Amino acid sequence: MSTTREHPDVAPPQADRARVPDHPSVTPPRAPWTLVMAREIRVRLTDKTFVLGTVLTVVLLLGAMVVPALLGGGGTEYRVAVTDATGAALVERAAPAVSGAPSMSGQEEVTVLTEPVADRSAAEDAVVEGDADVALVGADGAWEVLSDGEPPLRLTSALADTVRAEALAANAEQAGTSMAELTAGTVLTTVDVGSQDGAMAEGMLFVVGLGFAMVFYIAALMFGMQIASSVVEEKQSRIVEILAAAIPVRHLLLGKVLGNTLMAVGQMALIVAAALVGLTFTDLDVALPGMAEALGWYLPFFLLGFLALACVWAAAGALASRTEDLQSTTMPLTMVLVVAIFGAINLDGVWREVASFVPVLSTLLMPMRILEGDVSWWEPALALALVAGFCALTILLGSRLYRRALLHTSGSLTWRRALRMGE
């Protein structure tokens, strides 16, 4: 008979393990690429040059739109000296035509006021002394506009049209007919069959389209150079050897690309938002409804277009062993971007339509064509699919070059030599 006794204070190991629950706060470790991405974002947000450059760009953009609107908010005021009630009536009838005349800055608020004077001599004195811009003197059939120097064209044109219309009405009445019968068939109406109600003017279309293209060009060039510089700095300081030993190279590349892509998209969104806010202070705010569709397509084109180049920029940085070599390895990409933007701007006709389906060029041209309203729904969809396919190819190519050249420290590599190297 066994008399074995267990110590009352010592629990069996199996029972002890059974009573210990899993710790609820234990979480799986983060993927390495997320750490790299967070580091890239943190570095950009703490970079004074980047932050101040972005703030300065937004301030200058808003200032260029808001300040002229505020300074010109008072409109224009014309004072016309008249010697009698007939002249005052002519000025009042001409005032709506003056207010509705287009100006260089858009539809400007214009006010026309009359300044009663005693006679022609007083009218001349008012014009010379600056109390009136012009004077309308005379009588039916003999009206004159007095000015000191060149008179305002829009004011004199409206006064001349009003005097002519009044004279024609009086002559028609004396001839026993009406003004409508006398002027029947004399009205020439201009109709722009290429535009629709609410559509932007051709000049505005070009400016907005050029703005889209420049935002992509600047973001691709600036953030691309930052990616390449970050890679070559880590390579030159040998930090990359430690990183490559700790995490897979593909995670290092993925984190850099995604971190800079998020920052590029965020900066682009901030600049575009500032531009849209600035437009509300100008007479060009009528173009905002027509920009909604183009902006909706521009974002995915921008995102995929940037991703298509980001991995190649990282590869360009890996090809260099020193910062001094970076200019030669990034020159091909810089030239491609320069040729793309200036080529896209100067293309016209069928070549422009064809180029709007070519990756990278489509990011510049397709939003412009959408603004113009001459595309079917399938055209931007097809162009976006082609950009996505091109993006996949450049990611594969860029990651392969990046892996091959990252740990090569004995001088810079050429693109051709890197392609021929083994993994």
Protein backbone atom coordinates (compact mmCIF):
# COMPACT_ATOMS: atom_id res chain seq x y z
CA MET A 1 0.00 0.00 0.00
CA SER A 2 1.48 3.30 -1.05
CA THR A 3 1.75 6.04 1.48
CA THR A 4 3.12 8.70 -0.86
CA ARG A 5 1.95 12.19 0.11
CA GLU A 6 2.11 15.28 -2.05
CA HIS A 7 3.25 18.51 -0.47
CA PRO A 8 0.14 20.67 0.00
CA ASP A 9 1.91 23.85 -1.19
CA VAL A 10 3.29 22.42 -4.41
CA ALA A 11 0.86 21.94 -7.29
CA PRO A 12 1.54 19.46 -10.04
CA PRO A 13 3.10 21.04 -13.13
CA GLN A 14 0.29 19.81 -15.36
CA ALA A 15 -2.37 21.37 -13.19
CA ASP A 16 -0.41 24.60 -12.96
CA ARG A 17 -0.16 24.88 -16.73
CA ALA A 18 -3.82 24.11 -17.09
CA ARG A 19 -4.76 27.03 -14.86
CA VAL A 20 -2.66 29.65 -16.71
CA PRO A 21 -4.76 31.28 -19.48
CA ASP A 22 -3.34 32.78 -22.65
CA HIS A 23 -2.35 36.41 -22.12
CA PRO A 24 -4.95 38.52 -23.93
CA SER A 25 -2.50 41.37 -24.69
CA VAL A 26 -0.09 39.28 -26.76
CA THR A 27 -0.25 40.50 -30.42
CA PRO A 28 1.60 39.25 -33.44
CA PRO A 29 4.63 41.33 -34.48
CA ARG A 30 4.19 43.97 -37.18
CA ALA A 31 5.29 43.21 -40.71
CA PRO A 32 8.76 44.67 -41.39
CA TRP A 33 7.55 46.74 -44.35
CA THR A 34 5.11 48.62 -42.11
CA LEU A 35 8.01 49.68 -39.87
CA VAL A 36 9.96 50.93 -42.88
CA MET A 37 6.90 52.75 -44.21
CA ALA A 38 6.26 54.44 -40.85
CA ARG A 39 9.92 55.50 -40.68
CA GLU A 40 9.78 57.04 -44.19
CA ILE A 41 6.64 59.00 -43.30
CA ARG A 42 8.14 60.17 -40.01
CA VAL A 43 11.33 61.31 -41.72
CA ARG A 44 9.36 63.35 -44.29
CA LEU A 45 7.08 64.93 -41.69
CA THR A 46 10.06 65.99 -39.58
CA ASP A 47 12.00 67.31 -42.57
CA LYS A 48 11.82 71.11 -42.27
CA THR A 49 12.60 71.61 -45.95
CA PHE A 50 9.72 69.37 -47.02
CA VAL A 51 7.22 70.85 -44.55
CA LEU A 52 8.16 74.46 -45.26
CA GLY A 53 8.17 73.81 -49.03
CA THR A 54 4.67 72.34 -48.89
CA VAL A 55 3.33 75.17 -46.72
CA LEU A 56 4.96 77.79 -48.94
CA THR A 57 3.47 76.20 -52.07
CA VAL A 58 -0.03 76.23 -50.58
CA VAL A 59 0.34 79.82 -49.32
CA LEU A 60 1.63 81.09 -52.68
CA LEU A 61 -1.13 79.26 -54.55
CA LEU A 62 -3.86 80.67 -52.34
CA GLY A 63 -2.26 84.10 -52.41
CA ALA A 64 -2.11 84.16 -56.19
CA MET A 65 -5.87 83.52 -56.32
CA VAL A 66 -7.25 85.22 -53.23
CA VAL A 67 -5.22 88.45 -53.05
CA PRO A 68 -6.20 89.74 -56.55
CA ALA A 69 -9.84 88.94 -55.78
CA LEU A 70 -9.69 90.86 -52.49
CA LEU A 71 -7.84 93.81 -53.97
CA GLY A 72 -10.25 94.02 -56.87
CA GLY A 73 -13.30 93.33 -54.76
CA GLY A 74 -14.46 96.95 -54.96
CA GLY A 75 -15.03 96.77 -58.72
CA THR A 76 -14.77 99.67 -61.14
CA GLU A 77 -16.70 102.91 -61.01
CA TYR A 78 -17.20 105.27 -63.96
CA ARG A 79 -18.50 108.83 -63.49
CA VAL A 80 -20.09 110.52 -66.49
CA ALA A 81 -20.79 114.27 -66.47
CA VAL A 82 -24.08 115.25 -68.15
CA THR A 83 -25.64 118.65 -68.79
CA ASP A 84 -29.32 117.69 -68.96
CA ALA A 85 -31.88 114.99 -68.28
CA THR A 86 -31.65 113.57 -71.81
CA GLY A 87 -27.93 112.85 -71.38
CA ALA A 88 -28.57 111.33 -67.95
CA ALA A 89 -31.20 109.01 -69.47
CA LEU A 90 -28.75 107.85 -72.15
CA VAL A 91 -26.12 107.07 -69.51
CA GLU A 92 -28.63 105.07 -67.46
CA ARG A 93 -29.61 103.01 -70.50
CA ALA A 94 -25.95 102.36 -71.36
CA ALA A 95 -24.99 101.33 -67.82
CA PRO A 96 -26.18 97.66 -68.06
CA ALA A 97 -24.08 97.14 -71.20
CA VAL A 98 -21.00 98.51 -69.41
CA SER A 99 -21.55 96.30 -66.35
CA GLY A 100 -21.96 93.19 -68.48
CA ALA A 101 -18.88 93.74 -70.67
CA PRO A 102 -16.12 91.11 -70.12
CA SER A 103 -12.80 92.21 -68.63
CA MET A 104 -9.34 90.66 -68.39
CA SER A 105 -10.03 89.36 -64.88
CA GLY A 106 -13.45 87.88 -65.67
CA GLN A 107 -16.93 89.24 -64.97
CA GLU A 108 -16.03 92.40 -63.01
CA GLU A 109 -18.51 94.50 -61.02
CA VAL A 110 -18.84 97.88 -62.76
CA THR A 111 -20.86 100.89 -61.63
CA VAL A 112 -21.79 103.84 -63.88
CA LEU A 113 -22.79 107.09 -62.14
CA THR A 114 -23.96 110.40 -63.60
CA GLU A 115 -22.53 113.73 -62.51
CA PRO A 116 -24.89 116.63 -63.37
CA VAL A 117 -23.15 119.85 -64.42
CA ALA A 118 -24.40 123.22 -65.62
CA ASP A 119 -23.08 123.37 -69.17
CA ARG A 120 -20.39 122.18 -71.60
CA SER A 121 -17.72 124.35 -69.96
CA ALA A 122 -18.46 122.84 -66.55
CA ALA A 123 -18.37 119.37 -68.09
CA GLU A 124 -14.91 120.03 -69.56
CA ASP A 125 -13.68 121.28 -66.16
CA ALA A 126 -15.06 118.15 -64.43
CA VAL A 127 -13.19 115.88 -66.86
CA VAL A 128 -9.89 117.81 -66.66
CA GLU A 129 -9.98 118.02 -62.85
CA GLY A 130 -10.78 114.30 -62.50
CA ASP A 131 -14.27 114.71 -61.08
CA ALA A 132 -15.63 112.71 -64.04
CA ASP A 133 -14.08 110.09 -66.31
CA VAL A 134 -15.92 111.38 -69.38
CA ALA A 135 -18.69 113.83 -70.20
CA LEU A 136 -21.66 113.30 -72.52
CA VAL A 137 -22.78 116.60 -73.98
CA GLY A 138 -24.81 117.81 -76.94
CA ALA A 139 -28.31 117.11 -78.14
CA ASP A 140 -30.22 114.68 -80.37
CA GLY A 141 -28.14 114.01 -83.46
CA ALA A 142 -25.01 115.78 -82.15
CA TRP A 143 -23.73 113.95 -79.06
CA GLU A 144 -20.08 114.16 -78.01
CA VAL A 145 -17.95 112.30 -75.45
CA LEU A 146 -15.40 114.56 -73.78
CA SER A 147 -12.31 112.97 -72.20
CA ASP A 148 -8.89 113.88 -70.90
CA GLY A 149 -6.73 111.42 -72.82
CA GLU A 150 -7.91 108.01 -74.04
CA PRO A 151 -11.43 107.32 -72.74
CA PRO A 152 -12.43 103.92 -71.28
CA LEU A 153 -13.23 101.73 -74.29
CA ARG A 154 -16.01 99.71 -72.70
CA LEU A 155 -17.77 102.90 -71.51
CA THR A 156 -17.54 104.78 -74.82
CA SER A 157 -18.63 101.68 -76.76
CA ALA A 158 -21.74 101.30 -74.61
CA LEU A 159 -22.56 105.02 -74.94
CA ALA A 160 -22.08 104.90 -78.73
CA ASP A 161 -24.38 101.87 -79.05
CA THR A 162 -27.03 103.54 -76.91
CA VAL A 163 -26.92 106.78 -78.90
CA ARG A 164 -27.13 104.83 -82.16
CA ALA A 165 -30.12 102.80 -80.93
CA GLU A 166 -31.95 105.94 -79.76
CA ALA A 167 -31.33 107.66 -83.10
CA LEU A 168 -32.55 104.62 -85.06
CA ALA A 169 -35.70 104.44 -82.96
CA ALA A 170 -36.44 108.13 -83.56
CA ASN A 171 -35.80 107.82 -87.30
CA ALA A 172 -38.00 104.73 -87.53
CA GLU A 173 -40.84 106.55 -85.82
CA GLN A 174 -40.56 109.48 -88.24
CA ALA A 175 -40.56 107.07 -91.19
CA GLY A 176 -43.74 105.42 -89.97
CA THR A 177 -42.17 102.09 -89.06
CA SER A 178 -40.91 100.40 -85.91
CA MET A 179 -37.46 99.67 -84.58
CA ALA A 180 -38.04 95.92 -84.86
CA GLU A 181 -39.01 96.21 -88.54
CA LEU A 182 -36.14 98.57 -89.28
CA THR A 183 -33.50 96.29 -87.74
CA ALA A 184 -35.01 92.96 -88.86
CA GLY A 185 -32.32 90.63 -90.17
CA THR A 186 -29.41 92.76 -88.92
CA VAL A 187 -28.56 90.75 -85.79
CA LEU A 188 -25.59 88.38 -86.05
CA THR A 189 -25.45 85.77 -83.27
CA THR A 190 -22.29 83.81 -82.48
CA VAL A 191 -22.83 80.21 -81.35
CA ASP A 192 -19.97 78.01 -80.11
CA VAL A 193 -21.09 74.53 -81.16
CA GLY A 194 -18.06 72.96 -79.49
CA SER A 195 -19.01 74.01 -75.97
CA GLN A 196 -21.86 73.21 -73.61
CA ASP A 197 -23.58 75.13 -70.87
CA GLY A 198 -21.25 75.37 -67.87
CA ALA A 199 -18.24 74.24 -69.87
CA MET A 200 -14.88 75.87 -69.29
CA ALA A 201 -13.27 78.18 -71.81
CA GLU A 202 -10.45 76.81 -73.92
CA GLY A 203 -7.82 78.84 -72.06
CA MET A 204 -9.13 77.65 -68.71
CA LEU A 205 -9.07 74.03 -69.90
CA PHE A 206 -5.42 74.37 -70.82
CA VAL A 207 -4.49 75.97 -67.49
CA VAL A 208 -6.27 73.33 -65.40
CA GLY A 209 -4.89 70.48 -67.51
CA LEU A 210 -1.39 71.92 -67.27
CA GLY A 211 -1.85 72.19 -63.50
CA PHE A 212 -2.71 68.47 -63.30
CA ALA A 213 0.36 67.60 -65.36
CA MET A 214 2.70 69.83 -63.31
CA VAL A 215 1.48 68.40 -59.98
CA PHE A 216 2.30 64.86 -61.18
CA TYR A 217 5.63 65.93 -62.67
CA ILE A 218 6.78 67.76 -59.53
CA ALA A 219 5.62 64.96 -57.20
CA ALA A 220 7.25 62.23 -59.30
CA LEU A 221 10.51 64.15 -59.57
CA MET A 222 10.71 65.40 -55.98
CA PHE A 223 9.64 62.23 -54.18
CA GLY A 224 11.47 60.04 -56.70
CA MET A 225 14.74 61.82 -55.94
CA GLN A 226 14.01 61.49 -52.23
CA ILE A 227 13.56 57.72 -52.60
CA ALA A 228 16.79 57.41 -54.59
CA SER A 229 18.69 59.62 -52.12
CA SER A 230 17.43 57.62 -49.14
CA VAL A 231 18.57 54.36 -50.74
CA VAL A 232 22.05 55.58 -51.65
CA GLU A 233 22.59 57.20 -48.22
CA GLU A 234 21.78 53.94 -46.47
CA LYS A 235 24.00 52.11 -48.93
CA GLN A 236 26.92 54.51 -48.55
CA SER A 237 26.78 54.38 -44.73
CA ARG A 238 26.51 50.55 -44.80
CA ILE A 239 23.28 50.74 -42.79
CA VAL A 240 21.57 48.81 -45.56
CA GLU A 241 23.71 45.75 -44.79
CA ILE A 242 22.31 45.71 -41.26
CA LEU A 243 18.76 46.25 -42.51
CA ALA A 244 19.08 43.56 -45.18
CA ALA A 245 20.29 41.11 -42.55
CA ALA A 246 17.34 41.91 -40.29
CA ILE A 247 14.45 42.06 -42.78
CA PRO A 248 13.85 40.80 -46.32
CA VAL A 249 14.97 43.20 -49.04
CA ARG A 250 11.52 43.18 -50.63
CA HIS A 251 10.04 44.49 -47.36
CA LEU A 252 12.62 47.26 -47.31
CA LEU A 253 11.68 48.28 -50.85
CA LEU A 254 7.93 47.97 -50.22
CA GLY A 255 8.08 50.16 -47.13
CA LYS A 256 10.05 52.89 -48.89
CA VAL A 257 7.76 52.93 -51.91
CA LEU A 258 4.48 52.91 -49.98
CA GLY A 259 5.66 55.50 -47.45
CA ASN A 260 6.71 57.98 -50.12
CA THR A 261 3.61 57.23 -52.20
CA LEU A 262 1.34 58.11 -49.28
CA MET A 263 3.26 61.34 -48.71
CA ALA A 264 3.10 62.22 -52.43
CA VAL A 265 -0.65 61.60 -52.59
CA GLY A 266 -1.18 63.58 -49.38
CA GLN A 267 0.82 66.54 -50.67
CA MET A 268 -0.97 66.41 -54.03
CA ALA A 269 -4.38 66.34 -52.31
CA LEU A 270 -3.40 69.33 -50.15
CA ILE A 271 -2.27 71.38 -53.16
CA VAL A 272 -5.35 70.50 -55.21
CA ALA A 273 -7.62 71.33 -52.25
CA ALA A 274 -5.90 74.70 -51.89
CA ALA A 275 -6.38 75.36 -55.60
CA LEU A 276 -10.10 74.50 -55.40
CA VAL A 277 -10.54 76.81 -52.40
CA GLY A 278 -8.71 79.56 -54.26
CA LEU A 279 -10.97 79.17 -57.30
CA THR A 280 -14.00 80.04 -55.17
CA PHE A 281 -12.54 83.54 -54.71
CA THR A 282 -12.26 84.11 -58.47
CA ASP A 283 -14.65 84.36 -61.39
CA LEU A 284 -13.39 80.95 -62.51
CA ASP A 285 -15.44 79.14 -59.84
CA VAL A 286 -17.97 78.34 -62.57
CA ALA A 287 -15.45 75.73 -63.75
CA LEU A 288 -15.64 73.73 -60.51
CA PRO A 289 -18.61 71.50 -61.50
CA GLY A 290 -16.87 70.54 -64.74
CA MET A 291 -13.73 69.51 -62.84
CA ALA A 292 -15.39 66.89 -60.61
CA GLU A 293 -15.21 64.03 -63.12
CA ALA A 294 -11.65 64.87 -64.15
CA LEU A 295 -10.53 64.95 -60.51
CA GLY A 296 -12.21 61.61 -59.86
CA TRP A 297 -10.16 60.01 -62.66
CA TYR A 298 -6.99 61.96 -61.90
CA LEU A 299 -6.47 60.40 -58.45
CA PRO A 300 -6.12 56.76 -59.62
CA PHE A 301 -4.03 57.87 -62.61
CA PHE A 302 -1.74 59.80 -60.25
CA LEU A 303 -1.49 56.90 -57.77
CA LEU A 304 -0.69 54.20 -60.33
CA GLY A 305 1.56 56.51 -62.33
CA PHE A 306 3.60 57.34 -59.23
CA LEU A 307 3.82 53.70 -58.17
CA ALA A 308 4.99 52.79 -61.68
CA LEU A 309 7.98 55.10 -61.24
CA ALA A 310 8.67 54.76 -57.51
CA CYS A 311 10.30 51.31 -57.67
CA VAL A 312 12.43 52.41 -60.62
CA TRP A 313 13.58 55.45 -58.62
CA ALA A 314 14.57 53.10 -55.78
CA ALA A 315 16.50 50.98 -58.27
CA ALA A 316 18.24 54.11 -59.55
CA GLY A 317 19.37 54.85 -56.01
CA ALA A 318 20.60 51.27 -55.53
CA LEU A 319 22.68 51.48 -58.72
CA ALA A 320 24.77 54.28 -57.16
CA SER A 321 27.35 53.57 -54.47
CA ARG A 322 27.85 57.21 -53.47
CA THR A 323 25.69 60.32 -53.45
CA GLU A 324 27.94 61.75 -56.17
CA ASP A 325 26.92 58.92 -58.50
CA LEU A 326 23.21 59.59 -58.08
CA GLN A 327 22.98 62.15 -60.85
CA SER A 328 24.19 59.71 -63.50
CA THR A 329 21.91 56.86 -62.38
CA THR A 330 18.80 59.05 -62.12
CA MET A 331 19.40 61.01 -65.33
CA PRO A 332 17.44 58.55 -67.57
CA LEU A 333 14.35 58.85 -65.34
CA THR A 334 14.59 62.62 -65.18
CA MET A 335 14.85 62.85 -68.96
CA VAL A 336 11.85 60.56 -69.41
CA LEU A 337 9.73 62.81 -67.18
CA VAL A 338 10.87 66.01 -68.91
CA VAL A 339 10.23 64.60 -72.38
CA ALA A 340 6.87 63.21 -71.25
CA ILE A 341 5.48 66.47 -69.89
CA PHE A 342 6.71 68.73 -72.69
CA GLY A 343 5.77 66.18 -75.33
CA ALA A 344 2.28 65.79 -73.86
CA ILE A 345 1.69 69.54 -73.81
CA ASN A 346 2.66 69.97 -77.46
CA LEU A 347 0.77 66.99 -78.90
CA ASP A 348 -2.41 67.65 -80.82
CA GLY A 349 -5.01 65.86 -82.89
CA VAL A 350 -4.91 62.10 -83.32
CA TRP A 351 -1.42 61.83 -81.82
CA ARG A 352 -2.71 63.38 -78.63
CA GLU A 353 -5.55 60.86 -78.47
CA VAL A 354 -3.18 57.94 -79.03
CA ALA A 355 -0.68 59.23 -76.44
CA SER A 356 -3.46 59.51 -73.84
CA PHE A 357 -3.47 55.69 -73.70
CA VAL A 358 0.32 55.39 -73.28
CA PRO A 359 1.31 54.82 -69.60
CA VAL A 360 2.80 57.87 -67.85
CA LEU A 361 1.65 60.07 -70.74
CA SER A 362 -1.94 59.04 -69.97
CA THR A 363 -1.57 60.45 -66.44
CA LEU A 364 -0.87 63.82 -68.06
CA LEU A 365 -3.21 63.73 -71.06
CA MET A 366 -6.30 61.73 -70.13
CA PRO A 367 -7.47 64.14 -67.35
CA MET A 368 -7.10 66.99 -69.86
CA ARG A 369 -9.24 65.14 -72.42
CA ILE A 370 -11.84 64.40 -69.72
CA LEU A 371 -11.99 68.12 -68.92
CA GLU A 372 -12.59 68.86 -72.59
CA GLY A 373 -15.47 66.37 -72.62
CA ASP A 374 -14.47 64.55 -75.80
CA VAL A 375 -13.99 61.05 -74.31
CA SER A 376 -16.28 58.07 -73.84
CA TRP A 377 -16.41 56.27 -70.49
CA TRP A 378 -14.37 53.33 -71.73
CA GLU A 379 -11.40 55.44 -72.81
CA PRO A 380 -10.17 56.49 -69.33
CA ALA A 381 -11.03 53.00 -68.05
CA LEU A 382 -8.86 51.39 -70.75
CA ALA A 383 -6.04 53.89 -70.17
CA LEU A 384 -6.18 53.20 -66.42
CA ALA A 385 -5.99 49.44 -67.03
CA LEU A 386 -2.93 49.95 -69.22
CA VAL A 387 -1.31 52.07 -66.50
CA ALA A 388 -2.04 49.30 -63.96
CA GLY A 389 -0.38 46.73 -66.21
CA PHE A 390 2.62 49.00 -66.77
CA CYS A 391 2.78 49.60 -63.02
CA ALA A 392 3.03 45.85 -62.38
CA LEU A 393 5.86 45.52 -64.92
CA THR A 394 7.86 48.42 -63.50
CA ILE A 395 7.43 47.12 -59.96
CA LEU A 396 8.84 43.74 -61.01
CA LEU A 397 11.68 45.36 -62.94
CA GLY A 398 12.48 47.90 -60.24
CA SER A 399 12.43 45.35 -57.42
CA ARG A 400 14.73 43.03 -59.38
CA LEU A 401 17.23 45.79 -60.06
CA TYR A 402 16.96 46.94 -56.45
CA ARG A 403 17.76 43.48 -55.05
CA ARG A 404 20.67 42.99 -57.44
CA ALA A 405 22.32 46.36 -56.87
CA LEU A 406 21.53 47.09 -53.23
CA LEU A 407 24.56 45.31 -51.72
CA HIS A 408 26.91 46.16 -54.59
CA THR A 409 29.34 48.72 -53.14
CA SER A 410 32.30 48.59 -55.53
CA GLY A 411 31.37 51.53 -57.74
CA SER A 412 28.13 52.50 -59.45
CA LEU A 413 26.30 50.20 -61.84
CA THR A 414 24.80 50.97 -65.21
CA TRP A 415 21.22 49.97 -65.95
CA ARG A 416 22.36 47.49 -68.59
CA ARG A 417 24.91 45.83 -66.31
CA ALA A 418 22.41 45.55 -63.47
CA LEU A 419 19.93 43.82 -65.76
CA ARG A 420 22.55 41.24 -66.70
CA MET A 421 23.62 40.51 -63.11
CA GLY A 422 22.44 37.42 -61.29
CA GLU A 423 20.30 37.61 -58.20
